[in-house]
Amino acid sequence: MEQMPRLVTSLKIQVVAFATVVFALTACGGGPTVATGAPPATIHVTTTPPPVPGAGSCTNLSPLRDGKQGIELEGTTTDREPLTMLFAGAHHTIPVGKDITTYVRVGGVRALRVSVIDTSGHVDRVLGFRPGLPPFDWPGAGTPWTGTLMFAKAGCWRVYVQRSGLTGEVWLRAG
């Protein structure tokens, strides 16, 4: 029985392998496609997060300062980490029914989860907060985050934040 020389067998294997790779690359073209779209602004959550001890209430709102860049509130966290929220461009009152660019500085680790809770206990989880600084100088402790909040009606609101095991909240009056 006659055997093919090793060089020929090896060359045939290389040609077949090359053809297979070229076919696979052209079949996949630009790669897989994934439908994308803007996430919704909020998701309704049925369970109300527990209050943060010593954080405040509708009769004991978080300390507020109306500064050059907007309204800034100091919140309370479970681990005595910093929590500061800045409603950019808002002065005198926090607007109702409109998106407000919001910056948050908070301690902790991992992703930031934000929920807004009205006086009846209705909870909306806010999506889209991401790490980032405002386009102006905003010094302070904690990791800076940026996103958008909207308060549907005038009244007292609790803004609840969570990063891994750290929880905190800001109490405010909108409108």
N, C-alpha and C. Protein backbone atom coordinates (compact mmCIF):
# COMPACT_ATOMS: atom_id res chain seq x y z
N MET A 1 0.83 -1.17 0.00
CA MET A 1 0.00 0.00 0.00
C MET A 1 0.88 1.24 0.00
N GLU A 2 0.58 2.12 -0.86
CA GLU A 2 1.39 3.31 -1.04
C GLU A 2 0.88 4.42 -0.12
N GLN A 3 1.76 5.10 0.59
CA GLN A 3 1.37 6.21 1.47
C GLN A 3 1.77 7.53 0.83
N MET A 4 0.95 8.55 1.11
CA MET A 4 1.28 9.88 0.60
C MET A 4 2.42 10.44 1.44
N PRO A 5 3.23 11.22 0.82
CA PRO A 5 4.29 11.84 1.62
C PRO A 5 3.68 12.77 2.67
N ARG A 6 4.33 12.88 3.82
CA ARG A 6 3.85 13.69 4.93
C ARG A 6 3.62 15.15 4.54
N LEU A 7 4.44 15.70 3.71
CA LEU A 7 4.32 17.08 3.30
C LEU A 7 2.99 17.34 2.60
N VAL A 8 2.55 16.43 1.75
CA VAL A 8 1.30 16.59 1.03
C VAL A 8 0.13 16.51 1.99
N THR A 9 0.13 15.53 2.92
CA THR A 9 -0.95 15.40 3.90
C THR A 9 -1.04 16.66 4.74
N SER A 10 0.07 17.15 5.17
CA SER A 10 0.11 18.35 5.99
C SER A 10 -0.41 19.55 5.21
N LEU A 11 -0.07 19.66 3.94
CA LEU A 11 -0.52 20.76 3.10
C LEU A 11 -2.03 20.69 2.90
N LYS A 12 -2.57 19.47 2.67
CA LYS A 12 -4.01 19.31 2.51
C LYS A 12 -4.75 19.73 3.77
N ILE A 13 -4.26 19.36 4.93
CA ILE A 13 -4.88 19.73 6.21
C ILE A 13 -4.86 21.25 6.39
N GLN A 14 -3.77 21.87 6.03
CA GLN A 14 -3.67 23.33 6.16
C GLN A 14 -4.66 24.02 5.23
N VAL A 15 -4.82 23.53 4.00
CA VAL A 15 -5.75 24.14 3.05
C VAL A 15 -7.18 24.00 3.55
N VAL A 16 -7.55 22.82 4.04
CA VAL A 16 -8.90 22.59 4.57
C VAL A 16 -9.15 23.47 5.80
N ALA A 17 -8.18 23.57 6.68
CA ALA A 17 -8.32 24.40 7.88
C ALA A 17 -8.48 25.87 7.49
N PHE A 18 -7.68 26.33 6.54
CA PHE A 18 -7.77 27.73 6.10
C PHE A 18 -9.13 28.01 5.47
N ALA A 19 -9.62 27.10 4.64
CA ALA A 19 -10.92 27.27 3.99
C ALA A 19 -12.04 27.31 5.03
N THR A 20 -11.94 26.49 6.06
CA THR A 20 -12.95 26.47 7.12
C THR A 20 -12.97 27.79 7.87
N VAL A 21 -11.82 28.34 8.19
CA VAL A 21 -11.73 29.62 8.89
C VAL A 21 -12.30 30.74 8.03
N VAL A 22 -11.95 30.79 6.75
CA VAL A 22 -12.45 31.83 5.85
C VAL A 22 -13.98 31.72 5.74
N PHE A 23 -14.50 30.50 5.61
CA PHE A 23 -15.95 30.31 5.52
C PHE A 23 -16.63 30.81 6.80
N ALA A 24 -16.09 30.46 7.96
CA ALA A 24 -16.69 30.86 9.23
C ALA A 24 -16.68 32.38 9.37
N LEU A 25 -15.61 33.03 8.99
CA LEU A 25 -15.52 34.48 9.12
C LEU A 25 -16.50 35.19 8.18
N THR A 26 -16.64 34.69 6.96
CA THR A 26 -17.56 35.34 6.04
C THR A 26 -19.01 35.05 6.41
N ALA A 27 -19.28 33.89 6.98
CA ALA A 27 -20.66 33.56 7.38
C ALA A 27 -21.11 34.45 8.53
N CYS A 28 -20.18 34.77 9.45
CA CYS A 28 -20.54 35.61 10.59
C CYS A 28 -20.50 37.08 10.23
N GLY A 29 -19.87 37.45 9.15
CA GLY A 29 -19.85 38.83 8.68
C GLY A 29 -19.45 39.81 9.76
N GLY A 30 -20.38 40.64 10.15
CA GLY A 30 -20.12 41.67 11.16
C GLY A 30 -20.31 41.17 12.57
N GLY A 31 -20.46 39.87 12.76
CA GLY A 31 -20.66 39.31 14.09
C GLY A 31 -22.12 39.30 14.45
N PRO A 32 -22.43 38.81 15.62
CA PRO A 32 -23.83 38.74 16.04
C PRO A 32 -24.38 40.14 16.28
N THR A 33 -25.68 40.28 16.10
CA THR A 33 -26.30 41.57 16.36
C THR A 33 -27.18 41.46 17.60
N VAL A 34 -27.23 42.53 18.34
CA VAL A 34 -28.05 42.59 19.54
C VAL A 34 -28.92 43.83 19.44
N ALA A 35 -30.20 43.67 19.65
CA ALA A 35 -31.10 44.82 19.61
C ALA A 35 -30.79 45.72 20.79
N THR A 36 -30.70 47.00 20.54
CA THR A 36 -30.42 47.94 21.62
C THR A 36 -31.49 49.00 21.65
N GLY A 37 -31.62 49.62 22.79
CA GLY A 37 -32.59 50.70 22.97
C GLY A 37 -32.36 51.35 24.30
N ALA A 38 -32.93 52.49 24.49
CA ALA A 38 -32.77 53.19 25.75
C ALA A 38 -33.54 52.47 26.84
N PRO A 39 -32.94 52.30 28.03
CA PRO A 39 -33.67 51.65 29.11
C PRO A 39 -34.77 52.58 29.61
N PRO A 40 -35.81 52.01 30.20
CA PRO A 40 -36.84 52.88 30.76
C PRO A 40 -36.27 53.70 31.90
N ALA A 41 -36.87 54.83 32.19
CA ALA A 41 -36.36 55.71 33.24
C ALA A 41 -36.54 55.09 34.62
N THR A 42 -37.63 54.37 34.82
CA THR A 42 -37.87 53.77 36.14
C THR A 42 -38.54 52.41 35.97
N ILE A 43 -38.42 51.62 37.01
CA ILE A 43 -39.11 50.34 37.11
C ILE A 43 -39.85 50.36 38.43
N HIS A 44 -41.13 50.00 38.43
CA HIS A 44 -41.88 49.97 39.67
C HIS A 44 -41.47 48.76 40.50
N VAL A 45 -41.20 48.96 41.76
CA VAL A 45 -40.81 47.91 42.68
C VAL A 45 -41.91 47.80 43.74
N THR A 46 -42.28 46.60 44.09
CA THR A 46 -43.40 46.45 45.02
C THR A 46 -43.01 46.50 46.48
N THR A 47 -41.76 46.24 46.83
CA THR A 47 -41.36 46.27 48.23
C THR A 47 -40.65 47.58 48.54
N THR A 48 -41.02 48.18 49.65
CA THR A 48 -40.41 49.43 50.07
C THR A 48 -39.13 49.11 50.83
N PRO A 49 -38.01 49.73 50.46
CA PRO A 49 -36.76 49.48 51.19
C PRO A 49 -36.90 49.94 52.64
N PRO A 50 -36.21 49.27 53.54
CA PRO A 50 -36.30 49.66 54.95
C PRO A 50 -35.67 51.03 55.16
N PRO A 51 -36.17 51.80 56.14
CA PRO A 51 -35.58 53.12 56.39
C PRO A 51 -34.16 52.98 56.94
N VAL A 52 -33.35 53.97 56.67
CA VAL A 52 -31.99 54.03 57.22
C VAL A 52 -32.10 54.72 58.57
N PRO A 53 -31.66 54.07 59.65
CA PRO A 53 -31.78 54.68 60.99
C PRO A 53 -31.14 56.07 61.05
N GLY A 54 -31.89 57.03 61.57
CA GLY A 54 -31.39 58.39 61.75
C GLY A 54 -31.35 59.24 60.50
N ALA A 55 -31.91 58.74 59.39
CA ALA A 55 -31.81 59.46 58.12
C ALA A 55 -32.75 60.65 58.02
N GLY A 56 -33.90 60.57 58.61
CA GLY A 56 -34.83 61.69 58.52
C GLY A 56 -36.24 61.23 58.28
N SER A 57 -37.07 62.18 57.89
CA SER A 57 -38.49 61.92 57.62
C SER A 57 -39.06 63.14 56.91
N CYS A 58 -40.35 63.12 56.66
CA CYS A 58 -40.99 64.27 56.02
C CYS A 58 -40.99 65.50 56.94
N THR A 59 -40.91 65.28 58.24
CA THR A 59 -40.84 66.41 59.18
C THR A 59 -39.41 66.75 59.56
N ASN A 60 -38.47 65.90 59.13
CA ASN A 60 -37.05 66.12 59.41
C ASN A 60 -36.27 65.88 58.12
N LEU A 61 -36.37 66.82 57.17
CA LEU A 61 -35.75 66.67 55.85
C LEU A 61 -34.23 66.72 55.94
N SER A 62 -33.56 66.19 54.93
CA SER A 62 -32.10 66.22 54.86
C SER A 62 -31.62 67.65 54.73
N PRO A 63 -30.43 67.95 55.32
CA PRO A 63 -29.88 69.30 55.20
C PRO A 63 -29.69 69.70 53.74
N LEU A 64 -30.13 70.92 53.41
CA LEU A 64 -30.16 71.40 52.02
C LEU A 64 -29.36 72.68 51.90
N ARG A 65 -28.66 72.82 50.78
CA ARG A 65 -27.93 74.05 50.48
C ARG A 65 -28.22 74.42 49.03
N ASP A 66 -28.69 75.63 48.81
CA ASP A 66 -28.95 76.12 47.45
C ASP A 66 -27.70 76.84 46.99
N GLY A 67 -26.88 76.15 46.19
CA GLY A 67 -25.60 76.70 45.77
C GLY A 67 -25.60 77.16 44.33
N LYS A 68 -24.42 77.54 43.87
CA LYS A 68 -24.24 78.07 42.52
C LYS A 68 -24.67 77.07 41.45
N GLN A 69 -24.38 75.78 41.65
CA GLN A 69 -24.66 74.76 40.63
C GLN A 69 -26.02 74.09 40.79
N GLY A 70 -26.70 74.34 41.91
CA GLY A 70 -28.00 73.72 42.13
C GLY A 70 -28.25 73.44 43.60
N ILE A 71 -29.27 72.64 43.86
CA ILE A 71 -29.63 72.29 45.24
C ILE A 71 -28.86 71.03 45.64
N GLU A 72 -28.16 71.14 46.76
CA GLU A 72 -27.34 70.04 47.25
C GLU A 72 -27.89 69.57 48.59
N LEU A 73 -28.06 68.25 48.75
CA LEU A 73 -28.56 67.67 50.00
C LEU A 73 -27.55 66.70 50.57
N GLU A 74 -27.46 66.70 51.90
CA GLU A 74 -26.59 65.75 52.60
C GLU A 74 -27.46 64.63 53.14
N GLY A 75 -27.14 63.39 52.77
CA GLY A 75 -27.91 62.24 53.21
C GLY A 75 -27.24 61.50 54.34
N THR A 76 -27.85 60.41 54.74
CA THR A 76 -27.36 59.56 55.82
C THR A 76 -27.20 58.14 55.29
N THR A 77 -26.10 57.48 55.67
CA THR A 77 -25.87 56.09 55.26
C THR A 77 -25.71 55.20 56.47
N THR A 78 -25.82 53.90 56.24
CA THR A 78 -25.70 52.94 57.33
C THR A 78 -24.29 52.84 57.88
N ASP A 79 -23.29 53.07 57.05
CA ASP A 79 -21.89 52.91 57.49
C ASP A 79 -21.18 54.25 57.70
N ARG A 80 -21.93 55.31 57.85
CA ARG A 80 -21.37 56.66 58.03
C ARG A 80 -20.45 57.06 56.88
N GLU A 81 -20.75 56.52 55.72
CA GLU A 81 -20.04 56.91 54.49
C GLU A 81 -20.68 58.20 53.99
N PRO A 82 -19.98 58.96 53.16
CA PRO A 82 -20.58 60.19 52.64
C PRO A 82 -21.73 59.90 51.67
N LEU A 83 -22.72 60.77 51.66
CA LEU A 83 -23.82 60.73 50.69
C LEU A 83 -24.26 62.16 50.44
N THR A 84 -23.98 62.65 49.24
CA THR A 84 -24.37 64.00 48.84
C THR A 84 -25.07 63.90 47.50
N MET A 85 -26.17 64.62 47.34
CA MET A 85 -26.94 64.61 46.10
C MET A 85 -27.07 66.05 45.62
N LEU A 86 -26.77 66.27 44.34
CA LEU A 86 -26.86 67.60 43.75
C LEU A 86 -27.84 67.57 42.59
N PHE A 87 -28.88 68.40 42.67
CA PHE A 87 -29.85 68.55 41.59
C PHE A 87 -29.39 69.76 40.76
N ALA A 88 -28.68 69.48 39.67
CA ALA A 88 -28.03 70.51 38.88
C ALA A 88 -29.06 71.45 38.24
N GLY A 89 -28.80 72.74 38.37
CA GLY A 89 -29.64 73.75 37.75
C GLY A 89 -30.92 74.06 38.51
N ALA A 90 -31.23 73.30 39.54
CA ALA A 90 -32.43 73.59 40.35
C ALA A 90 -32.07 74.60 41.43
N HIS A 91 -32.89 75.63 41.57
CA HIS A 91 -32.65 76.64 42.60
C HIS A 91 -33.96 76.93 43.31
N HIS A 92 -33.88 77.15 44.61
CA HIS A 92 -35.00 77.47 45.48
C HIS A 92 -35.90 76.26 45.75
N THR A 93 -36.35 75.54 44.71
CA THR A 93 -37.17 74.34 44.90
C THR A 93 -36.74 73.26 43.91
N ILE A 94 -36.99 72.02 44.28
CA ILE A 94 -36.72 70.90 43.38
C ILE A 94 -37.95 70.75 42.47
N PRO A 95 -37.77 70.82 41.16
CA PRO A 95 -38.91 70.82 40.24
C PRO A 95 -39.69 69.50 40.24
N VAL A 96 -40.95 69.60 39.86
CA VAL A 96 -41.86 68.46 39.78
C VAL A 96 -42.20 68.20 38.31
N GLY A 97 -42.26 66.91 37.94
CA GLY A 97 -42.71 66.53 36.61
C GLY A 97 -41.72 66.76 35.49
N LYS A 98 -40.45 66.99 35.83
CA LYS A 98 -39.45 67.16 34.77
C LYS A 98 -38.15 66.47 35.17
N ASP A 99 -37.44 65.98 34.16
CA ASP A 99 -36.17 65.31 34.42
C ASP A 99 -35.16 66.30 34.98
N ILE A 100 -34.46 65.87 36.03
CA ILE A 100 -33.44 66.71 36.66
C ILE A 100 -32.12 65.97 36.60
N THR A 101 -31.11 66.58 36.00
CA THR A 101 -29.78 65.98 36.03
C THR A 101 -29.33 65.97 37.48
N THR A 102 -28.97 64.77 37.95
CA THR A 102 -28.65 64.57 39.37
C THR A 102 -27.27 63.95 39.50
N TYR A 103 -26.49 64.50 40.40
CA TYR A 103 -25.17 63.96 40.70
C TYR A 103 -25.19 63.44 42.13
N VAL A 104 -24.58 62.28 42.33
CA VAL A 104 -24.56 61.66 43.65
C VAL A 104 -23.12 61.32 43.99
N ARG A 105 -22.72 61.65 45.21
CA ARG A 105 -21.43 61.21 45.74
C ARG A 105 -21.75 60.29 46.91
N VAL A 106 -21.25 59.06 46.84
CA VAL A 106 -21.55 58.09 47.89
C VAL A 106 -20.39 57.12 48.04
N GLY A 107 -20.19 56.67 49.27
CA GLY A 107 -19.16 55.67 49.54
C GLY A 107 -19.65 54.30 49.08
N GLY A 108 -18.95 53.27 49.52
CA GLY A 108 -19.34 51.91 49.16
C GLY A 108 -18.62 51.42 47.93
N VAL A 109 -19.01 50.22 47.48
CA VAL A 109 -18.40 49.59 46.30
C VAL A 109 -19.47 49.07 45.38
N ARG A 110 -19.10 48.82 44.15
CA ARG A 110 -19.96 48.25 43.11
C ARG A 110 -20.94 49.25 42.55
N ALA A 111 -21.92 48.74 41.83
CA ALA A 111 -22.90 49.58 41.13
C ALA A 111 -23.82 50.30 42.12
N LEU A 112 -24.31 51.43 41.67
CA LEU A 112 -25.22 52.24 42.48
C LEU A 112 -26.65 51.94 42.07
N ARG A 113 -27.51 51.65 43.05
CA ARG A 113 -28.94 51.48 42.81
C ARG A 113 -29.66 52.63 43.50
N VAL A 114 -30.58 53.25 42.77
CA VAL A 114 -31.31 54.41 43.31
C VAL A 114 -32.81 54.12 43.18
N SER A 115 -33.56 54.42 44.23
CA SER A 115 -35.02 54.30 44.22
C SER A 115 -35.61 55.58 44.78
N VAL A 116 -36.74 56.01 44.23
CA VAL A 116 -37.47 57.15 44.79
C VAL A 116 -38.78 56.62 45.36
N ILE A 117 -39.11 57.09 46.56
CA ILE A 117 -40.28 56.58 47.28
C ILE A 117 -41.13 57.77 47.70
N ASP A 118 -42.43 57.72 47.36
CA ASP A 118 -43.33 58.82 47.77
C ASP A 118 -43.94 58.51 49.14
N THR A 119 -44.76 59.42 49.65
CA THR A 119 -45.31 59.27 51.00
C THR A 119 -46.27 58.09 51.13
N SER A 120 -46.83 57.62 50.02
CA SER A 120 -47.74 56.46 50.09
C SER A 120 -46.96 55.14 50.03
N GLY A 121 -45.64 55.21 49.88
CA GLY A 121 -44.82 54.00 49.81
C GLY A 121 -44.59 53.48 48.41
N HIS A 122 -45.08 54.18 47.39
CA HIS A 122 -44.86 53.79 45.99
C HIS A 122 -43.37 53.92 45.68
N VAL A 123 -42.78 52.85 45.18
CA VAL A 123 -41.33 52.81 44.93
C VAL A 123 -41.06 52.69 43.44
N ASP A 124 -40.19 53.55 42.91
CA ASP A 124 -39.69 53.43 41.55
C ASP A 124 -38.18 53.31 41.61
N ARG A 125 -37.66 52.23 40.99
CA ARG A 125 -36.21 52.10 40.89
C ARG A 125 -35.77 52.89 39.67
N VAL A 126 -34.76 53.73 39.84
CA VAL A 126 -34.27 54.58 38.77
C VAL A 126 -33.11 53.89 38.07
N LEU A 127 -33.17 53.83 36.75
CA LEU A 127 -32.10 53.19 35.98
C LEU A 127 -31.22 54.26 35.33
N GLY A 128 -30.02 53.88 34.99
CA GLY A 128 -29.17 54.76 34.20
C GLY A 128 -28.13 55.55 34.96
N PHE A 129 -28.03 55.42 36.29
CA PHE A 129 -26.95 56.11 36.98
C PHE A 129 -25.65 55.42 36.65
N ARG A 130 -24.63 56.24 36.34
CA ARG A 130 -23.32 55.70 35.96
C ARG A 130 -22.24 56.58 36.61
N PRO A 131 -21.04 56.03 36.78
CA PRO A 131 -19.97 56.85 37.34
C PRO A 131 -19.72 58.08 36.48
N GLY A 132 -19.50 59.21 37.11
CA GLY A 132 -19.20 60.41 36.33
C GLY A 132 -19.30 61.68 37.13
N LEU A 133 -18.46 62.62 36.77
CA LEU A 133 -18.44 63.94 37.40
C LEU A 133 -19.22 64.94 36.57
N PRO A 134 -19.75 65.97 37.22
CA PRO A 134 -20.40 67.03 36.45
C PRO A 134 -19.35 67.83 35.67
N PRO A 135 -19.80 68.63 34.69
CA PRO A 135 -18.85 69.42 33.89
C PRO A 135 -18.33 70.65 34.64
N PHE A 136 -18.62 70.75 35.92
CA PHE A 136 -18.15 71.85 36.75
C PHE A 136 -17.48 71.26 38.00
N ASP A 137 -16.78 72.09 38.74
CA ASP A 137 -16.09 71.64 39.94
C ASP A 137 -17.11 71.30 41.04
N TRP A 138 -17.08 70.06 41.52
CA TRP A 138 -17.97 69.65 42.59
C TRP A 138 -17.17 68.78 43.56
N PRO A 139 -16.42 69.42 44.47
CA PRO A 139 -15.57 68.66 45.38
C PRO A 139 -16.41 67.92 46.43
N GLY A 140 -15.83 66.88 46.96
CA GLY A 140 -16.48 66.14 48.04
C GLY A 140 -15.96 64.72 48.11
N ALA A 141 -16.36 64.03 49.18
CA ALA A 141 -15.93 62.66 49.39
C ALA A 141 -16.93 61.70 48.75
N GLY A 142 -16.47 60.50 48.45
CA GLY A 142 -17.34 59.48 47.86
C GLY A 142 -17.18 59.42 46.35
N THR A 143 -17.61 58.31 45.79
CA THR A 143 -17.54 58.11 44.34
C THR A 143 -18.63 58.92 43.66
N PRO A 144 -18.29 59.71 42.62
CA PRO A 144 -19.32 60.50 41.93
C PRO A 144 -20.08 59.68 40.88
N TRP A 145 -21.38 59.87 40.82
CA TRP A 145 -22.27 59.22 39.86
C TRP A 145 -23.16 60.28 39.23
N THR A 146 -23.65 60.00 38.03
CA THR A 146 -24.54 60.94 37.35
C THR A 146 -25.74 60.18 36.77
N GLY A 147 -26.90 60.83 36.79
CA GLY A 147 -28.12 60.23 36.27
C GLY A 147 -29.23 61.26 36.22
N THR A 148 -30.44 60.80 36.06
CA THR A 148 -31.60 61.69 35.97
C THR A 148 -32.68 61.20 36.93
N LEU A 149 -33.25 62.14 37.68
CA LEU A 149 -34.38 61.85 38.54
C LEU A 149 -35.56 62.71 38.13
N MET A 150 -36.77 62.21 38.42
CA MET A 150 -37.98 63.00 38.20
C MET A 150 -38.94 62.69 39.35
N PHE A 151 -39.51 63.74 39.91
CA PHE A 151 -40.50 63.60 40.96
C PHE A 151 -41.86 63.90 40.34
N ALA A 152 -42.75 62.90 40.36
CA ALA A 152 -44.02 62.98 39.64
C ALA A 152 -45.00 64.00 40.22
N LYS A 153 -44.91 64.25 41.51
CA LYS A 153 -45.85 65.16 42.14
C LYS A 153 -45.15 65.93 43.25
N ALA A 154 -45.75 67.04 43.65
CA ALA A 154 -45.20 67.85 44.74
C ALA A 154 -45.38 67.09 46.05
N GLY A 155 -44.42 67.26 46.93
CA GLY A 155 -44.52 66.64 48.24
C GLY A 155 -43.21 66.10 48.73
N CYS A 156 -43.31 65.30 49.78
CA CYS A 156 -42.14 64.71 50.43
C CYS A 156 -41.72 63.45 49.68
N TRP A 157 -40.42 63.28 49.50
CA TRP A 157 -39.86 62.12 48.82
C TRP A 157 -38.66 61.60 49.59
N ARG A 158 -38.47 60.30 49.51
CA ARG A 158 -37.27 59.66 50.07
C ARG A 158 -36.51 59.08 48.89
N VAL A 159 -35.24 59.45 48.74
CA VAL A 159 -34.38 58.89 47.69
C VAL A 159 -33.45 57.90 48.38
N TYR A 160 -33.59 56.64 48.03
CA TYR A 160 -32.87 55.54 48.67
C TYR A 160 -31.75 55.09 47.74
N VAL A 161 -30.54 54.98 48.27
CA VAL A 161 -29.39 54.54 47.46
C VAL A 161 -28.78 53.29 48.09
N GLN A 162 -28.22 52.46 47.21
CA GLN A 162 -27.59 51.23 47.69
C GLN A 162 -26.38 50.92 46.84
N ARG A 163 -25.27 50.59 47.51
CA ARG A 163 -24.04 50.12 46.84
C ARG A 163 -23.54 48.94 47.65
N SER A 164 -23.68 47.75 47.12
CA SER A 164 -23.33 46.52 47.80
C SER A 164 -24.05 46.50 49.15
N GLY A 165 -23.35 46.46 50.28
CA GLY A 165 -24.00 46.40 51.59
C GLY A 165 -24.33 47.76 52.17
N LEU A 166 -23.89 48.83 51.53
CA LEU A 166 -24.14 50.18 52.04
C LEU A 166 -25.51 50.68 51.57
N THR A 167 -26.28 51.24 52.46
CA THR A 167 -27.55 51.86 52.09
C THR A 167 -27.57 53.27 52.66
N GLY A 168 -28.31 54.14 52.01
CA GLY A 168 -28.43 55.52 52.47
C GLY A 168 -29.67 56.14 51.89
N GLU A 169 -30.01 57.30 52.43
CA GLU A 169 -31.17 58.00 51.89
C GLU A 169 -31.08 59.48 52.13
N VAL A 170 -31.83 60.18 51.26
CA VAL A 170 -31.98 61.63 51.33
C VAL A 170 -33.49 61.88 51.40
N TRP A 171 -33.90 62.75 52.30
CA TRP A 171 -35.32 63.15 52.41
C TRP A 171 -35.43 64.56 51.88
N LEU A 172 -36.43 64.80 51.00
CA LEU A 172 -36.56 66.12 50.39
C LEU A 172 -38.03 66.45 50.11
N ARG A 173 -38.26 67.70 49.82
CA ARG A 173 -39.58 68.16 49.40
C ARG A 173 -39.44 68.72 47.99
N ALA A 174 -40.23 68.18 47.06
CA ALA A 174 -40.21 68.65 45.67
C ALA A 174 -41.43 69.55 45.45
N GLY A 175 -41.26 70.55 44.59
CA GLY A 175 -42.38 71.43 44.23
C GLY A 175 -42.56 72.61 45.12
